[in-house]
Amino acid sequence: MGETRGRQAAGWIERLRELTVPVLRPGQVAVRVAVVTDSAAALPEDWLARFGAGVRVVPMPVMIDGQIYTEGHDDVATALATGLATGAKISTSRPAPGVFARTYRELETAGYAGIVSVHLSSRLSGTVDAARLAAEDIGIDVRVVDSETVGMAQGYAVLAALEAARVGAGVDDVTAAATVEDPGVINFVVPSLDQLRRGGRITLAASVLGTLLAVKPLLTLSDGHIQIREKVRTESRALARLVEISRDEAVARAERTGRPAHIAVHCYGNADRAQEIVHELAAYAAEEVRVVGLPAVLGAHTGAGVVAVVVA
């Protein structure tokens, strides 16, 4: 299935290169499609600046000892760091359907004829369900896409949709860009599985296994779920394997799609090692390897010290 999606992705990319802004007849109005996502996509600031009003990011709430914080609107980074260090009760929630409805209506009022809403895996969050519920009451065409992933793997799917919308593609083609553009692979290492277990993102058995055997599991997102990919004895070895696996995936993806891979590195409290990984993977990337801070809604589940690599 991965090879099929890869070929589809390559086909869409070639088609995207051929697209031009439509030539309109007198009196004809261009179809404007907006793209909506959530803060789990970790969209870089320069992407938001590049696409301007055509992209909206719905913030995801983070609860720390009963107080609600939202990405980009509160000092959530400081509060989360303090909460993790002090053992505070931390959880996350999907955005309310009303937040999506308000965002969609604002875009409708702004003159957009359609919206493509791309969100993190429905197996990790109820965000997709909230977006679909909100879309039912909107007067324009709203397509909700389950990216089946998270972080910049989700972000690259959003980017494909934005690039298609920018050159005048309609709702069908913008949806296709987000759907068939291979969302990529995300592998990551965390110092402890405790926070993932508390948030229900891995099983108690997997967490206990990692603790009792004193292993540092290399984790991956597969079929929308967090799974243990490999069990490694030390954190340094786990990070080394993270680089090796990411390099191999970048090479395989380039062969599969006919283009160099996009690579991004996420970190939360492990910036030095993240920069080292950037240098180790630079030769395998389509452009400069990005270091993208992990959004609070993801850091709340991984805990501090996580390093993740996205290959898309």
C-alpha atoms as a PDB file:
ATOM      1  CA  MET A   1       0.000   0.000   0.000  1.00  0.00           C
ATOM      2  CA  GLY A   2       2.864   2.375   0.781  1.00  0.00           C
ATOM      3  CA  GLU A   3       4.282   1.957  -2.742  1.00  0.00           C
ATOM      4  CA  THR A   4       0.872   2.665  -4.287  1.00  0.00           C
ATOM      5  CA  ARG A   5       0.435   5.823  -2.236  1.00  0.00           C
ATOM      6  CA  GLY A   6       3.958   6.851  -3.122  1.00  0.00           C
ATOM      7  CA  ARG A   7       3.230   6.510  -6.847  1.00  0.00           C
ATOM      8  CA  GLN A   8      -0.002   8.460  -6.364  1.00  0.00           C
ATOM      9  CA  ALA A   9       1.910  11.162  -4.550  1.00  0.00           C
ATOM     10  CA  ALA A  10       4.511  11.403  -7.294  1.00  0.00           C
ATOM     11  CA  GLY A  11       1.719  11.605  -9.882  1.00  0.00           C
ATOM     12  CA  TRP A  12       0.037  14.421  -8.015  1.00  0.00           C
ATOM     13  CA  ILE A  13       3.295  16.331  -7.671  1.00  0.00           C
ATOM     14  CA  GLU A  14       3.873  16.106 -11.427  1.00  0.00           C
ATOM     15  CA  ARG A  15       0.313  17.248 -12.036  1.00  0.00           C
ATOM     16  CA  LEU A  16       0.774  20.127  -9.590  1.00  0.00           C
ATOM     17  CA  ARG A  17       3.810  21.291 -11.538  1.00  0.00           C
ATOM     18  CA  GLU A  18       1.649  21.467 -14.661  1.00  0.00           C
ATOM     19  CA  LEU A  19      -1.145  23.437 -13.014  1.00  0.00           C
ATOM     20  CA  THR A  20      -1.305  27.148 -13.705  1.00  0.00           C
ATOM     21  CA  VAL A  21      -3.619  29.815 -12.394  1.00  0.00           C
ATOM     22  CA  PRO A  22      -6.768  29.490 -14.536  1.00  0.00           C
ATOM     23  CA  VAL A  23      -7.393  32.062 -17.255  1.00  0.00           C
ATOM     24  CA  LEU A  24     -10.819  33.495 -16.483  1.00  0.00           C
ATOM     25  CA  ARG A  25     -13.366  34.666 -19.020  1.00  0.00           C
ATOM     26  CA  PRO A  26     -14.955  38.095 -18.505  1.00  0.00           C
ATOM     27  CA  GLY A  27     -17.360  37.871 -15.590  1.00  0.00           C
ATOM     28  CA  GLN A  28     -16.002  34.504 -14.415  1.00  0.00           C
ATOM     29  CA  VAL A  29     -14.970  34.293 -10.762  1.00  0.00           C
ATOM     30  CA  ALA A  30     -11.984  32.250  -9.583  1.00  0.00           C
ATOM     31  CA  VAL A  31     -12.753  29.417  -7.183  1.00  0.00           C
ATOM     32  CA  ARG A  32     -10.956  30.135  -3.925  1.00  0.00           C
ATOM     33  CA  VAL A  33     -10.243  27.219  -1.624  1.00  0.00           C
ATOM     34  CA  ALA A  34      -8.991  27.696   1.929  1.00  0.00           C
ATOM     35  CA  VAL A  35      -7.096  25.112   3.964  1.00  0.00           C
ATOM     36  CA  VAL A  36      -7.693  24.534   7.669  1.00  0.00           C
ATOM     37  CA  THR A  37      -5.635  22.372   9.996  1.00  0.00           C
ATOM     38  CA  ASP A  38      -4.927  22.017  13.714  1.00  0.00           C
ATOM     39  CA  SER A  39      -1.916  22.897  15.836  1.00  0.00           C
ATOM     40  CA  ALA A  40      -0.722  19.271  15.865  1.00  0.00           C
ATOM     41  CA  ALA A  41       0.496  19.846  12.285  1.00  0.00           C
ATOM     42  CA  ALA A  42       3.355  22.021  13.612  1.00  0.00           C
ATOM     43  CA  LEU A  43       3.212  24.358  10.605  1.00  0.00           C
ATOM     44  CA  PRO A  44       6.330  26.559  10.441  1.00  0.00           C
ATOM     45  CA  GLU A  45       5.791  30.307  10.733  1.00  0.00           C
ATOM     46  CA  ASP A  46       7.167  30.972   7.247  1.00  0.00           C
ATOM     47  CA  TRP A  47       4.525  28.674   5.742  1.00  0.00           C
ATOM     48  CA  LEU A  48       1.792  30.583   7.552  1.00  0.00           C
ATOM     49  CA  ALA A  49       3.241  33.860   6.285  1.00  0.00           C
ATOM     50  CA  ARG A  50       3.551  32.544   2.727  1.00  0.00           C
ATOM     51  CA  PHE A  51      -0.081  31.443   2.426  1.00  0.00           C
ATOM     52  CA  GLY A  52      -1.598  34.206   4.521  1.00  0.00           C
ATOM     53  CA  ALA A  53      -5.378  34.269   4.812  1.00  0.00           C
ATOM     54  CA  GLY A  54      -5.690  31.035   2.831  1.00  0.00           C
ATOM     55  CA  VAL A  55      -4.642  28.901   5.806  1.00  0.00           C
ATOM     56  CA  ARG A  56      -6.103  28.695   9.293  1.00  0.00           C
ATOM     57  CA  VAL A  57      -4.764  26.720  12.251  1.00  0.00           C
ATOM     58  CA  VAL A  58      -7.292  25.688  14.887  1.00  0.00           C
ATOM     59  CA  PRO A  59      -5.549  25.541  18.286  1.00  0.00           C
ATOM     60  CA  MET A  60      -5.821  22.369  20.358  1.00  0.00           C
ATOM     61  CA  PRO A  61      -6.387  22.773  24.104  1.00  0.00           C
ATOM     62  CA  VAL A  62      -3.862  21.573  26.681  1.00  0.00           C
ATOM     63  CA  MET A  63      -5.048  21.134  30.279  1.00  0.00           C
ATOM     64  CA  ILE A  64      -2.450  21.541  33.046  1.00  0.00           C
ATOM     65  CA  ASP A  65      -3.738  20.955  36.572  1.00  0.00           C
ATOM     66  CA  GLY A  66      -7.218  21.919  35.435  1.00  0.00           C
ATOM     67  CA  GLN A  67      -6.253  25.137  33.649  1.00  0.00           C
ATOM     68  CA  ILE A  68      -6.845  25.285  29.898  1.00  0.00           C
ATOM     69  CA  TYR A  69      -4.155  26.629  27.561  1.00  0.00           C
ATOM     70  CA  THR A  70      -4.331  26.945  23.779  1.00  0.00           C
ATOM     71  CA  GLU A  71      -1.442  26.831  21.345  1.00  0.00           C
ATOM     72  CA  GLY A  72      -0.437  30.275  20.129  1.00  0.00           C
ATOM     73  CA  HIS A  73      -2.767  32.133  22.484  1.00  0.00           C
ATOM     74  CA  ASP A  74      -1.299  31.522  25.936  1.00  0.00           C
ATOM     75  CA  ASP A  75       2.127  30.978  27.435  1.00  0.00           C
ATOM     76  CA  VAL A  76       1.542  27.279  26.993  1.00  0.00           C
ATOM     77  CA  ALA A  77       5.207  26.365  26.433  1.00  0.00           C
ATOM     78  CA  THR A  78       6.294  27.695  29.822  1.00  0.00           C
ATOM     79  CA  ALA A  79       3.285  26.214  31.589  1.00  0.00           C
ATOM     80  CA  LEU A  80       3.865  22.818  29.984  1.00  0.00           C
ATOM     81  CA  ALA A  81       7.566  22.757  30.839  1.00  0.00           C
ATOM     82  CA  THR A  82       6.759  23.598  34.447  1.00  0.00           C
ATOM     83  CA  GLY A  83       3.955  21.056  34.569  1.00  0.00           C
ATOM     84  CA  LEU A  84       6.107  18.241  33.222  1.00  0.00           C
ATOM     85  CA  ALA A  85       8.909  19.067  35.647  1.00  0.00           C
ATOM     86  CA  THR A  86       6.602  19.118  38.672  1.00  0.00           C
ATOM     87  CA  GLY A  87       4.459  16.104  37.790  1.00  0.00           C
ATOM     88  CA  ALA A  88       1.295  18.107  37.144  1.00  0.00           C
ATOM     89  CA  LYS A  89      -1.779  16.419  35.723  1.00  0.00           C
ATOM     90  CA  ILE A  90      -1.591  17.086  31.983  1.00  0.00           C
ATOM     91  CA  SER A  91      -4.084  16.180  29.279  1.00  0.00           C
ATOM     92  CA  THR A  92      -5.253  17.388  25.879  1.00  0.00           C
ATOM     93  CA  SER A  93      -8.586  17.712  24.158  1.00  0.00           C
ATOM     94  CA  ARG A  94      -9.980  18.067  20.683  1.00  0.00           C
ATOM     95  CA  PRO A  95     -11.126  21.550  19.669  1.00  0.00           C
ATOM     96  CA  ALA A  96     -14.860  22.039  20.156  1.00  0.00           C
ATOM     97  CA  PRO A  97     -17.018  21.706  17.013  1.00  0.00           C
ATOM     98  CA  GLY A  98     -18.054  25.318  17.564  1.00  0.00           C
ATOM     99  CA  VAL A  99     -14.463  26.478  17.099  1.00  0.00           C
ATOM    100  CA  PHE A 100     -14.345  24.759  13.717  1.00  0.00           C
ATOM    101  CA  ALA A 101     -17.765  26.126  12.762  1.00  0.00           C
ATOM    102  CA  ARG A 102     -16.651  29.675  13.577  1.00  0.00           C
ATOM    103  CA  THR A 103     -13.472  29.245  11.513  1.00  0.00           C
ATOM    104  CA  TYR A 104     -15.368  27.791   8.547  1.00  0.00           C
ATOM    105  CA  ARG A 105     -17.969  30.575   8.630  1.00  0.00           C
ATOM    106  CA  GLU A 106     -15.278  33.253   8.727  1.00  0.00           C
ATOM    107  CA  LEU A 107     -13.751  31.755   5.582  1.00  0.00           C
ATOM    108  CA  GLU A 108     -17.160  31.520   3.929  1.00  0.00           C
ATOM    109  CA  THR A 109     -17.775  35.185   4.731  1.00  0.00           C
ATOM    110  CA  ALA A 110     -14.341  36.041   3.302  1.00  0.00           C
ATOM    111  CA  GLY A 111     -15.474  34.685  -0.064  1.00  0.00           C
ATOM    112  CA  TYR A 112     -13.934  31.233  -0.170  1.00  0.00           C
ATOM    113  CA  ALA A 113     -15.971  28.762  -2.199  1.00  0.00           C
ATOM    114  CA  GLY A 114     -14.605  25.670  -0.489  1.00  0.00           C
ATOM    115  CA  ILE A 115     -12.533  24.489   2.448  1.00  0.00           C
ATOM    116  CA  VAL A 116     -10.235  21.499   2.866  1.00  0.00           C
ATOM    117  CA  SER A 117      -9.692  20.726   6.541  1.00  0.00           C
ATOM    118  CA  VAL A 118      -6.709  18.433   7.240  1.00  0.00           C
ATOM    119  CA  HIS A 119      -6.271  16.989  10.723  1.00  0.00           C
ATOM    120  CA  LEU A 120      -4.244  14.644  12.879  1.00  0.00           C
ATOM    121  CA  SER A 121      -4.949  10.929  12.996  1.00  0.00           C
ATOM    122  CA  SER A 122      -8.463  10.082  14.133  1.00  0.00           C
ATOM    123  CA  ARG A 123      -6.942   7.213  16.120  1.00  0.00           C
ATOM    124  CA  LEU A 124      -5.105   9.686  18.322  1.00  0.00           C
ATOM    125  CA  SER A 125      -7.747  12.390  18.693  1.00  0.00           C
ATOM    126  CA  GLY A 126     -11.403  13.201  18.107  1.00  0.00           C
ATOM    127  CA  THR A 127     -10.455  16.302  16.122  1.00  0.00           C
ATOM    128  CA  VAL A 128     -11.584  14.848  12.786  1.00  0.00           C
ATOM    129  CA  ASP A 129     -15.002  14.058  14.264  1.00  0.00           C
ATOM    130  CA  ALA A 130     -15.345  17.604  15.613  1.00  0.00           C
ATOM    131  CA  ALA A 131     -14.447  19.064  12.217  1.00  0.00           C
ATOM    132  CA  ARG A 132     -16.929  16.820  10.399  1.00  0.00           C
ATOM    133  CA  LEU A 133     -19.691  17.731  12.822  1.00  0.00           C
ATOM    134  CA  ALA A 134     -19.040  21.428  12.277  1.00  0.00           C
ATOM    135  CA  ALA A 135     -18.887  21.031   8.490  1.00  0.00           C
ATOM    136  CA  GLU A 136     -22.482  19.796   8.353  1.00  0.00           C
ATOM    137  CA  ASP A 137     -23.850  23.279   9.045  1.00  0.00           C
ATOM    138  CA  ILE A 138     -21.643  25.282   6.668  1.00  0.00           C
ATOM    139  CA  GLY A 139     -23.037  26.675   3.436  1.00  0.00           C
ATOM    140  CA  ILE A 140     -19.956  25.999   1.297  1.00  0.00           C
ATOM    141  CA  ASP A 141     -18.233  22.722   0.462  1.00  0.00           C
ATOM    142  CA  VAL A 142     -16.074  21.595   3.402  1.00  0.00           C
ATOM    143  CA  ARG A 143     -13.967  18.448   2.978  1.00  0.00           C
ATOM    144  CA  VAL A 144     -12.460  16.968   6.138  1.00  0.00           C
ATOM    145  CA  VAL A 145      -9.319  14.868   5.652  1.00  0.00           C
ATOM    146  CA  ASP A 146      -7.924  12.439   8.225  1.00  0.00           C
ATOM    147  CA  SER A 147      -4.170  12.693   7.627  1.00  0.00           C
ATOM    148  CA  GLU A 148      -3.638   9.464   9.612  1.00  0.00           C
ATOM    149  CA  THR A 149      -0.510  11.023  11.072  1.00  0.00           C
ATOM    150  CA  VAL A 150       0.726  13.946  13.142  1.00  0.00           C
ATOM    151  CA  GLY A 151       3.420  16.624  13.379  1.00  0.00           C
ATOM    152  CA  MET A 152       5.195  17.674  10.206  1.00  0.00           C
ATOM    153  CA  ALA A 153       4.099  14.430   8.553  1.00  0.00           C
ATOM    154  CA  GLN A 154       0.639  15.968   8.781  1.00  0.00           C
ATOM    155  CA  GLY A 155       2.149  19.348   7.961  1.00  0.00           C
ATOM    156  CA  TYR A 156       3.516  18.194   4.608  1.00  0.00           C
ATOM    157  CA  ALA A 157       0.041  16.960   3.638  1.00  0.00           C
ATOM    158  CA  VAL A 158      -1.265  20.416   4.537  1.00  0.00           C
ATOM    159  CA  LEU A 159       1.488  22.001   2.438  1.00  0.00           C
ATOM    160  CA  ALA A 160       0.472  19.927  -0.589  1.00  0.00           C
ATOM    161  CA  ALA A 161      -3.104  21.156  -0.202  1.00  0.00           C
ATOM    162  CA  LEU A 162      -1.955  24.764   0.159  1.00  0.00           C
ATOM    163  CA  GLU A 163       0.236  24.586  -2.937  1.00  0.00           C
ATOM    164  CA  ALA A 164      -2.671  23.185  -4.950  1.00  0.00           C
ATOM    165  CA  ALA A 165      -5.059  25.857  -3.685  1.00  0.00           C
ATOM    166  CA  ARG A 166      -2.552  28.609  -4.453  1.00  0.00           C
ATOM    167  CA  VAL A 167      -2.461  27.754  -8.155  1.00  0.00           C
ATOM    168  CA  GLY A 168      -6.249  27.727  -8.451  1.00  0.00           C
ATOM    169  CA  ALA A 169      -7.147  24.058  -7.994  1.00  0.00           C
ATOM    170  CA  GLY A 170     -10.738  23.315  -7.016  1.00  0.00           C
ATOM    171  CA  VAL A 171     -11.927  21.545  -3.894  1.00  0.00           C
ATOM    172  CA  ASP A 172     -11.603  18.076  -5.429  1.00  0.00           C
ATOM    173  CA  ASP A 173      -7.983  18.582  -6.433  1.00  0.00           C
ATOM    174  CA  VAL A 174      -6.992  20.294  -3.198  1.00  0.00           C
ATOM    175  CA  THR A 175      -8.511  17.371  -1.297  1.00  0.00           C
ATOM    176  CA  ALA A 176      -6.667  14.949  -3.552  1.00  0.00           C
ATOM    177  CA  ALA A 177      -3.391  16.727  -2.859  1.00  0.00           C
ATOM    178  CA  ALA A 178      -3.856  16.365   0.904  1.00  0.00           C
ATOM    179  CA  THR A 179      -5.067  12.780   0.592  1.00  0.00           C
ATOM    180  CA  VAL A 180      -2.684  11.162  -1.874  1.00  0.00           C
ATOM    181  CA  GLU A 181       0.414  13.157  -1.031  1.00  0.00           C
ATOM    182  CA  ASP A 182       2.158  10.454   0.985  1.00  0.00           C
ATOM    183  CA  PRO A 183       1.993  11.822   4.543  1.00  0.00           C
ATOM    184  CA  GLY A 184       5.331  10.325   5.284  1.00  0.00           C
ATOM    185  CA  VAL A 185       6.858   8.471   8.173  1.00  0.00           C
ATOM    186  CA  ILE A 186       7.448   9.771  11.675  1.00  0.00           C
ATOM    187  CA  ASN A 187       9.781   7.908  14.015  1.00  0.00           C
ATOM    188  CA  PHE A 188      10.757   9.168  17.443  1.00  0.00           C
ATOM    189  CA  VAL A 189      12.579   8.485  20.685  1.00  0.00           C
ATOM    190  CA  VAL A 190      11.409   9.536  24.148  1.00  0.00           C
ATOM    191  CA  PRO A 191      13.449   9.254  27.359  1.00  0.00           C
ATOM    192  CA  SER A 192      10.437   7.786  29.182  1.00  0.00           C
ATOM    193  CA  LEU A 193       7.185   6.134  28.131  1.00  0.00           C
ATOM    194  CA  ASP A 194       5.345   7.342  31.225  1.00  0.00           C
ATOM    195  CA  GLN A 195       3.758  10.412  29.664  1.00  0.00           C
ATOM    196  CA  LEU A 196       2.550   8.468  26.624  1.00  0.00           C
ATOM    197  CA  ARG A 197       1.031   5.868  28.945  1.00  0.00           C
ATOM    198  CA  ARG A 198      -0.718   8.497  31.080  1.00  0.00           C
ATOM    199  CA  GLY A 199      -2.265   9.989  27.964  1.00  0.00           C
ATOM    200  CA  GLY A 200      -3.434   6.594  26.725  1.00  0.00           C
ATOM    201  CA  ARG A 201      -1.257   6.765  23.600  1.00  0.00           C
ATOM    202  CA  ILE A 202       0.510   3.472  24.341  1.00  0.00           C
ATOM    203  CA  THR A 203      -0.556   0.475  26.384  1.00  0.00           C
ATOM    204  CA  LEU A 204       0.398  -0.097  29.988  1.00  0.00           C
ATOM    205  CA  ALA A 205       2.049  -3.356  28.929  1.00  0.00           C
ATOM    206  CA  ALA A 206       4.331  -1.574  26.461  1.00  0.00           C
ATOM    207  CA  SER A 207       5.260   1.029  29.054  1.00  0.00           C
ATOM    208  CA  VAL A 208       6.026  -1.564  31.734  1.00  0.00           C
ATOM    209  CA  LEU A 209       8.044  -3.621  29.254  1.00  0.00           C
ATOM    210  CA  GLY A 210      10.221  -0.620  28.464  1.00  0.00           C
ATOM    211  CA  THR A 211      10.776   0.107  32.154  1.00  0.00           C
ATOM    212  CA  LEU A 212      11.457  -3.442  33.330  1.00  0.00           C
ATOM    213  CA  LEU A 213      13.802  -4.302  30.492  1.00  0.00           C
ATOM    214  CA  ALA A 214      15.570  -0.929  30.708  1.00  0.00           C
ATOM    215  CA  VAL A 215      15.182  -0.414  26.967  1.00  0.00           C
ATOM    216  CA  LYS A 216      14.709   2.805  25.022  1.00  0.00           C
ATOM    217  CA  PRO A 217      12.107   1.962  22.400  1.00  0.00           C
ATOM    218  CA  LEU A 218      12.181   3.549  18.980  1.00  0.00           C
ATOM    219  CA  LEU A 219       8.573   4.516  18.296  1.00  0.00           C
ATOM    220  CA  THR A 220       6.685   5.064  15.068  1.00  0.00           C
ATOM    221  CA  LEU A 221       3.221   6.008  13.897  1.00  0.00           C
ATOM    222  CA  SER A 222       1.640   3.160  11.931  1.00  0.00           C
ATOM    223  CA  ASP A 223      -1.987   3.034  10.775  1.00  0.00           C
ATOM    224  CA  GLY A 224      -2.602   6.091  12.897  1.00  0.00           C
ATOM    225  CA  HIS A 225      -1.381   4.414  16.109  1.00  0.00           C
ATOM    226  CA  ILE A 226       1.832   4.869  18.094  1.00  0.00           C
ATOM    227  CA  GLN A 227       3.725   1.584  18.064  1.00  0.00           C
ATOM    228  CA  ILE A 228       7.108   0.322  19.215  1.00  0.00           C
ATOM    229  CA  ARG A 229       9.260  -0.146  16.128  1.00  0.00           C
ATOM    230  CA  GLU A 230      12.446  -1.387  17.809  1.00  0.00           C
ATOM    231  CA  LYS A 231      13.724  -1.973  21.332  1.00  0.00           C
ATOM    232  CA  VAL A 232      17.194  -0.561  21.909  1.00  0.00           C
ATOM    233  CA  ARG A 233      19.274  -0.747  25.094  1.00  0.00           C
ATOM    234  CA  THR A 234      20.420   2.860  25.387  1.00  0.00           C
ATOM    235  CA  GLU A 235      19.077   6.252  24.417  1.00  0.00           C
ATOM    236  CA  SER A 236      22.199   7.059  22.401  1.00  0.00           C
ATOM    237  CA  ARG A 237      21.761   3.868  20.392  1.00  0.00           C
ATOM    238  CA  ALA A 238      18.070   4.599  19.913  1.00  0.00           C
ATOM    239  CA  LEU A 239      18.914   8.030  18.501  1.00  0.00           C
ATOM    240  CA  ALA A 240      21.558   6.497  16.239  1.00  0.00           C
ATOM    241  CA  ARG A 241      18.979   4.019  14.934  1.00  0.00           C
ATOM    242  CA  LEU A 242      16.560   6.899  14.428  1.00  0.00           C
ATOM    243  CA  VAL A 243      19.078   8.473  12.055  1.00  0.00           C
ATOM    244  CA  GLU A 244      19.773   5.185  10.253  1.00  0.00           C
ATOM    245  CA  ILE A 245      16.095   4.394   9.743  1.00  0.00           C
ATOM    246  CA  SER A 246      15.321   7.942   8.604  1.00  0.00           C
ATOM    247  CA  ARG A 247      18.203   7.875   6.123  1.00  0.00           C
ATOM    248  CA  ASP A 248      17.026   4.552   4.686  1.00  0.00           C
ATOM    249  CA  GLU A 249      13.462   5.819   4.451  1.00  0.00           C
ATOM    250  CA  ALA A 250      14.600   8.971   2.642  1.00  0.00           C
ATOM    251  CA  VAL A 251      16.517   6.908   0.084  1.00  0.00           C
ATOM    252  CA  ALA A 252      13.608   4.504  -0.421  1.00  0.00           C
ATOM    253  CA  ARG A 253      11.113   7.343  -0.728  1.00  0.00           C
ATOM    254  CA  ALA A 254      13.238   9.087  -3.348  1.00  0.00           C
ATOM    255  CA  GLU A 255      13.338   5.885  -5.387  1.00  0.00           C
ATOM    256  CA  ARG A 256       9.593   5.377  -4.942  1.00  0.00           C
ATOM    257  CA  THR A 257       8.450   8.891  -5.812  1.00  0.00           C
ATOM    258  CA  GLY A 258      11.194  10.090  -8.130  1.00  0.00           C
ATOM    259  CA  ARG A 259      12.026  13.116  -5.970  1.00  0.00           C
ATOM    260  CA  PRO A 260      14.257  13.822  -2.965  1.00  0.00           C
ATOM    261  CA  ALA A 261      12.538  13.462   0.381  1.00  0.00           C
ATOM    262  CA  HIS A 262      11.402  16.254   2.663  1.00  0.00           C
ATOM    263  CA  ILE A 263      12.877  15.853   6.148  1.00  0.00           C
ATOM    264  CA  ALA A 264      11.954  17.626   9.368  1.00  0.00           C
ATOM    265  CA  VAL A 265      13.238  17.106  12.895  1.00  0.00           C
ATOM    266  CA  HIS A 266      11.023  17.727  15.915  1.00  0.00           C
ATOM    267  CA  CYS A 267      12.426  18.227  19.382  1.00  0.00           C
ATOM    268  CA  TYR A 268      11.263  19.232  22.799  1.00  0.00           C
ATOM    269  CA  GLY A 269      14.108  19.937  25.184  1.00  0.00           C
ATOM    270  CA  ASN A 270      16.759  18.093  23.156  1.00  0.00           C
ATOM    271  CA  ALA A 271      17.799  20.786  20.690  1.00  0.00           C
ATOM    272  CA  ASP A 272      21.510  19.929  20.550  1.00  0.00           C
ATOM    273  CA  ARG A 273      20.903  16.344  19.464  1.00  0.00           C
ATOM    274  CA  ALA A 274      18.269  17.524  17.010  1.00  0.00           C
ATOM    275  CA  GLN A 275      20.835  19.797  15.336  1.00  0.00           C
ATOM    276  CA  GLU A 276      23.277  16.896  15.085  1.00  0.00           C
ATOM    277  CA  ILE A 277      20.599  14.819  13.360  1.00  0.00           C
ATOM    278  CA  VAL A 278      19.958  17.670  10.928  1.00  0.00           C
ATOM    279  CA  HIS A 279      23.595  17.557   9.805  1.00  0.00           C
ATOM    280  CA  GLU A 280      23.569  13.764   9.530  1.00  0.00           C
ATOM    281  CA  LEU A 281      20.490  13.757   7.282  1.00  0.00           C
ATOM    282  CA  ALA A 282      21.164  16.893   5.212  1.00  0.00           C
ATOM    283  CA  ALA A 283      22.493  14.996   2.204  1.00  0.00           C
ATOM    284  CA  TYR A 284      19.238  13.056   1.850  1.00  0.00           C
ATOM    285  CA  ALA A 285      16.771  15.962   1.877  1.00  0.00           C
ATOM    286  CA  ALA A 286      15.111  17.880  -0.948  1.00  0.00           C
ATOM    287  CA  GLU A 287      15.928  21.147   0.800  1.00  0.00           C
ATOM    288  CA  GLU A 288      17.352  22.272   4.093  1.00  0.00           C
ATOM    289  CA  VAL A 289      16.331  19.916   6.894  1.00  0.00           C
ATOM    290  CA  ARG A 290      13.990  21.786   9.190  1.00  0.00           C
ATOM    291  CA  VAL A 291      14.093  21.782  12.969  1.00  0.00           C
ATOM    292  CA  VAL A 292      10.540  22.357  14.109  1.00  0.00           C
ATOM    293  CA  GLY A 293       9.627  22.660  17.760  1.00  0.00           C
ATOM    294  CA  LEU A 294       7.100  20.120  18.932  1.00  0.00           C
ATOM    295  CA  PRO A 295       3.683  21.693  19.528  1.00  0.00           C
ATOM    296  CA  ALA A 296       2.511  21.705  23.129  1.00  0.00           C
ATOM    297  CA  VAL A 297      -0.379  19.387  22.290  1.00  0.00           C
ATOM    298  CA  LEU A 298       2.169  16.731  21.273  1.00  0.00           C
ATOM    299  CA  GLY A 299       4.773  17.548  23.909  1.00  0.00           C
ATOM    300  CA  ALA A 300       2.081  17.015  26.528  1.00  0.00           C
ATOM    301  CA  HIS A 301       2.056  13.339  25.536  1.00  0.00           C
ATOM    302  CA  THR A 302       5.715  12.697  24.757  1.00  0.00           C
ATOM    303  CA  GLY A 303       7.250  14.590  27.658  1.00  0.00           C
ATOM    304  CA  ALA A 304      10.533  16.484  27.511  1.00  0.00           C
ATOM    305  CA  GLY A 305      13.568  15.156  25.670  1.00  0.00           C
ATOM    306  CA  VAL A 306      11.749  13.730  22.658  1.00  0.00           C
ATOM    307  CA  VAL A 307      13.404  13.752  19.238  1.00  0.00           C
ATOM    308  CA  ALA A 308      11.382  12.846  16.148  1.00  0.00           C
ATOM    309  CA  VAL A 309      12.231  12.671  12.454  1.00  0.00           C
ATOM    310  CA  VAL A 310       9.660  13.065   9.696  1.00  0.00           C
ATOM    311  CA  VAL A 311      10.455  11.835   6.194  1.00  0.00           C
ATOM    312  CA  ALA A 312       7.862  12.751   3.574  1.00  0.00           C
END
